[in-house]
Amino acid sequence: MTAPTVEAAIHELMDLAWNLVYDPLEERGLLCDGLSVEDYTGIHSWVEDLTRYTVVHSQDVAVLFMGTRPVDAIVCHHDLLGADDPKSYFTIPE
């Protein structure tokens, strides 16, 4: 179980953009692994060059947001969670 404030942040971001999250999950063949918002229990957010990046993850899937827009989804693995540059694991559109 996550802390209430973390859970609220995850739900707010995922609920706000759920219809947009569907696309990167589907493109990567991860839809069945990441369909339920309740499965997402972790969030990591930082600002770099005036852009807020946020990774929301479950045990199986991680979704990268730029601002409030999801840009990519990948299979979640532990290297991502402790990385100095988590966004380097994702494909970021130009």
C-alpha atoms as a PDB file:
ATOM      1  CA  MET A   1       0.000   0.000   0.000  1.00  0.00           C
ATOM      2  CA  THR A   2       1.290   3.443  -0.849  1.00  0.00           C
ATOM      3  CA  ALA A   3       1.040   6.566   1.275  1.00  0.00           C
ATOM      4  CA  PRO A   4      -2.211   8.501   0.695  1.00  0.00           C
ATOM      5  CA  THR A   5      -0.479  11.524  -0.863  1.00  0.00           C
ATOM      6  CA  VAL A   6       1.558   9.358  -3.254  1.00  0.00           C
ATOM      7  CA  GLU A   7      -1.536   7.366  -4.153  1.00  0.00           C
ATOM      8  CA  ALA A   8      -3.483  10.592  -4.753  1.00  0.00           C
ATOM      9  CA  ALA A   9      -0.732  11.981  -7.014  1.00  0.00           C
ATOM     10  CA  ILE A  10      -0.623   8.761  -9.052  1.00  0.00           C
ATOM     11  CA  HIS A  11      -4.392   8.634  -9.427  1.00  0.00           C
ATOM     12  CA  GLU A  12      -4.643  12.318 -10.319  1.00  0.00           C
ATOM     13  CA  LEU A  13      -2.018  12.059 -13.064  1.00  0.00           C
ATOM     14  CA  MET A  14      -3.222   8.717 -14.421  1.00  0.00           C
ATOM     15  CA  ASP A  15      -6.908   9.645 -14.279  1.00  0.00           C
ATOM     16  CA  LEU A  16      -6.232  12.995 -15.957  1.00  0.00           C
ATOM     17  CA  ALA A  17      -4.499  11.324 -18.897  1.00  0.00           C
ATOM     18  CA  TRP A  18      -5.868   7.756 -18.852  1.00  0.00           C
ATOM     19  CA  ASN A  19      -7.186   7.926 -22.405  1.00  0.00           C
ATOM     20  CA  LEU A  20      -3.705   9.110 -23.500  1.00  0.00           C
ATOM     21  CA  VAL A  21      -1.878   6.463 -21.412  1.00  0.00           C
ATOM     22  CA  TYR A  22      -3.761   3.800 -23.327  1.00  0.00           C
ATOM     23  CA  ASP A  23      -1.887   4.628 -26.577  1.00  0.00           C
ATOM     24  CA  PRO A  24       1.737   4.113 -25.423  1.00  0.00           C
ATOM     25  CA  LEU A  25       0.714   0.977 -23.528  1.00  0.00           C
ATOM     26  CA  GLU A  26      -0.953  -0.390 -26.655  1.00  0.00           C
ATOM     27  CA  GLU A  27       1.966   0.602 -28.935  1.00  0.00           C
ATOM     28  CA  ARG A  28       4.409  -1.311 -26.732  1.00  0.00           C
ATOM     29  CA  GLY A  29       2.140  -4.353 -26.311  1.00  0.00           C
ATOM     30  CA  LEU A  30       1.789  -3.642 -22.585  1.00  0.00           C
ATOM     31  CA  LEU A  31      -1.913  -2.977 -22.405  1.00  0.00           C
ATOM     32  CA  CYS A  32      -2.836  -6.156 -20.561  1.00  0.00           C
ATOM     33  CA  ASP A  33      -0.033  -5.566 -18.024  1.00  0.00           C
ATOM     34  CA  GLY A  34      -0.928  -1.976 -17.247  1.00  0.00           C
ATOM     35  CA  LEU A  35      -4.627  -1.440 -17.649  1.00  0.00           C
ATOM     36  CA  SER A  36      -5.691  -0.886 -14.032  1.00  0.00           C
ATOM     37  CA  VAL A  37      -4.824   2.471 -12.450  1.00  0.00           C
ATOM     38  CA  GLU A  38      -4.853   0.774  -9.034  1.00  0.00           C
ATOM     39  CA  ASP A  39      -1.814  -1.318 -10.061  1.00  0.00           C
ATOM     40  CA  TYR A  40       0.392   1.786 -10.229  1.00  0.00           C
ATOM     41  CA  THR A  41       2.047   2.225  -6.842  1.00  0.00           C
ATOM     42  CA  GLY A  42       5.186   4.271  -7.491  1.00  0.00           C
ATOM     43  CA  ILE A  43       5.934   7.732  -8.778  1.00  0.00           C
ATOM     44  CA  HIS A  44       9.194   9.578  -9.410  1.00  0.00           C
ATOM     45  CA  SER A  45       9.165  13.171 -10.635  1.00  0.00           C
ATOM     46  CA  TRP A  46      11.860  15.751 -11.400  1.00  0.00           C
ATOM     47  CA  VAL A  47      12.385  18.978 -13.363  1.00  0.00           C
ATOM     48  CA  GLU A  48      15.037  19.230 -16.052  1.00  0.00           C
ATOM     49  CA  ASP A  49      15.484  22.253 -18.342  1.00  0.00           C
ATOM     50  CA  LEU A  50      12.056  23.633 -17.378  1.00  0.00           C
ATOM     51  CA  THR A  51      10.306  20.333 -18.216  1.00  0.00           C
ATOM     52  CA  ARG A  52       8.713  18.181 -15.515  1.00  0.00           C
ATOM     53  CA  TYR A  53       9.281  14.466 -16.074  1.00  0.00           C
ATOM     54  CA  THR A  54       7.300  11.905 -14.115  1.00  0.00           C
ATOM     55  CA  VAL A  55       7.583   8.139 -14.136  1.00  0.00           C
ATOM     56  CA  VAL A  56       4.536   6.304 -12.786  1.00  0.00           C
ATOM     57  CA  HIS A  57       5.033   2.574 -12.404  1.00  0.00           C
ATOM     58  CA  SER A  58       3.458  -0.673 -11.374  1.00  0.00           C
ATOM     59  CA  GLN A  59       5.409  -3.869 -10.796  1.00  0.00           C
ATOM     60  CA  ASP A  60       5.188  -4.593 -14.524  1.00  0.00           C
ATOM     61  CA  VAL A  61       4.907  -1.300 -16.412  1.00  0.00           C
ATOM     62  CA  ALA A  62       6.416   2.194 -16.240  1.00  0.00           C
ATOM     63  CA  VAL A  63       4.933   5.223 -18.007  1.00  0.00           C
ATOM     64  CA  LEU A  64       6.922   8.406 -18.663  1.00  0.00           C
ATOM     65  CA  PHE A  65       5.083  11.744 -18.620  1.00  0.00           C
ATOM     66  CA  MET A  66       6.423  15.056 -19.867  1.00  0.00           C
ATOM     67  CA  GLY A  67       4.324  17.602 -18.049  1.00  0.00           C
ATOM     68  CA  THR A  68       0.946  15.902 -17.865  1.00  0.00           C
ATOM     69  CA  ARG A  69       1.244  14.067 -21.197  1.00  0.00           C
ATOM     70  CA  PRO A  70       2.310  10.403 -21.311  1.00  0.00           C
ATOM     71  CA  VAL A  71       5.030   9.936 -23.945  1.00  0.00           C
ATOM     72  CA  ASP A  72       6.168   6.315 -23.591  1.00  0.00           C
ATOM     73  CA  ALA A  73       5.648   3.088 -21.673  1.00  0.00           C
ATOM     74  CA  ILE A  74       8.093   0.267 -20.996  1.00  0.00           C
ATOM     75  CA  VAL A  75       8.374  -2.928 -19.009  1.00  0.00           C
ATOM     76  CA  CYS A  76       9.362  -1.802 -15.518  1.00  0.00           C
ATOM     77  CA  HIS A  77      12.637  -3.116 -14.120  1.00  0.00           C
ATOM     78  CA  HIS A  78      14.633  -2.252 -11.010  1.00  0.00           C
ATOM     79  CA  ASP A  79      17.481  -0.514 -12.903  1.00  0.00           C
ATOM     80  CA  LEU A  80      15.006   2.172 -13.966  1.00  0.00           C
ATOM     81  CA  LEU A  81      13.951   2.974 -10.411  1.00  0.00           C
ATOM     82  CA  GLY A  82      17.455   3.828  -9.185  1.00  0.00           C
ATOM     83  CA  ALA A  83      18.803   5.369 -12.388  1.00  0.00           C
ATOM     84  CA  ASP A  84      20.450   8.786 -12.470  1.00  0.00           C
ATOM     85  CA  ASP A  85      18.534   9.520 -15.691  1.00  0.00           C
ATOM     86  CA  PRO A  86      15.325   7.440 -15.708  1.00  0.00           C
ATOM     87  CA  LYS A  87      14.100   9.079 -18.929  1.00  0.00           C
ATOM     88  CA  SER A  88      17.006   7.477 -20.813  1.00  0.00           C
ATOM     89  CA  TYR A  89      15.122   4.157 -20.635  1.00  0.00           C
ATOM     90  CA  PHE A  90      12.240   5.621 -22.631  1.00  0.00           C
ATOM     91  CA  THR A  91      11.803   6.825 -26.194  1.00  0.00           C
ATOM     92  CA  ILE A  92      11.045  10.545 -26.117  1.00  0.00           C
ATOM     93  CA  PRO A  93       9.434  12.075 -29.203  1.00  0.00           C
ATOM     94  CA  GLU A  94      11.234  15.011 -30.813  1.00  0.00           C
END
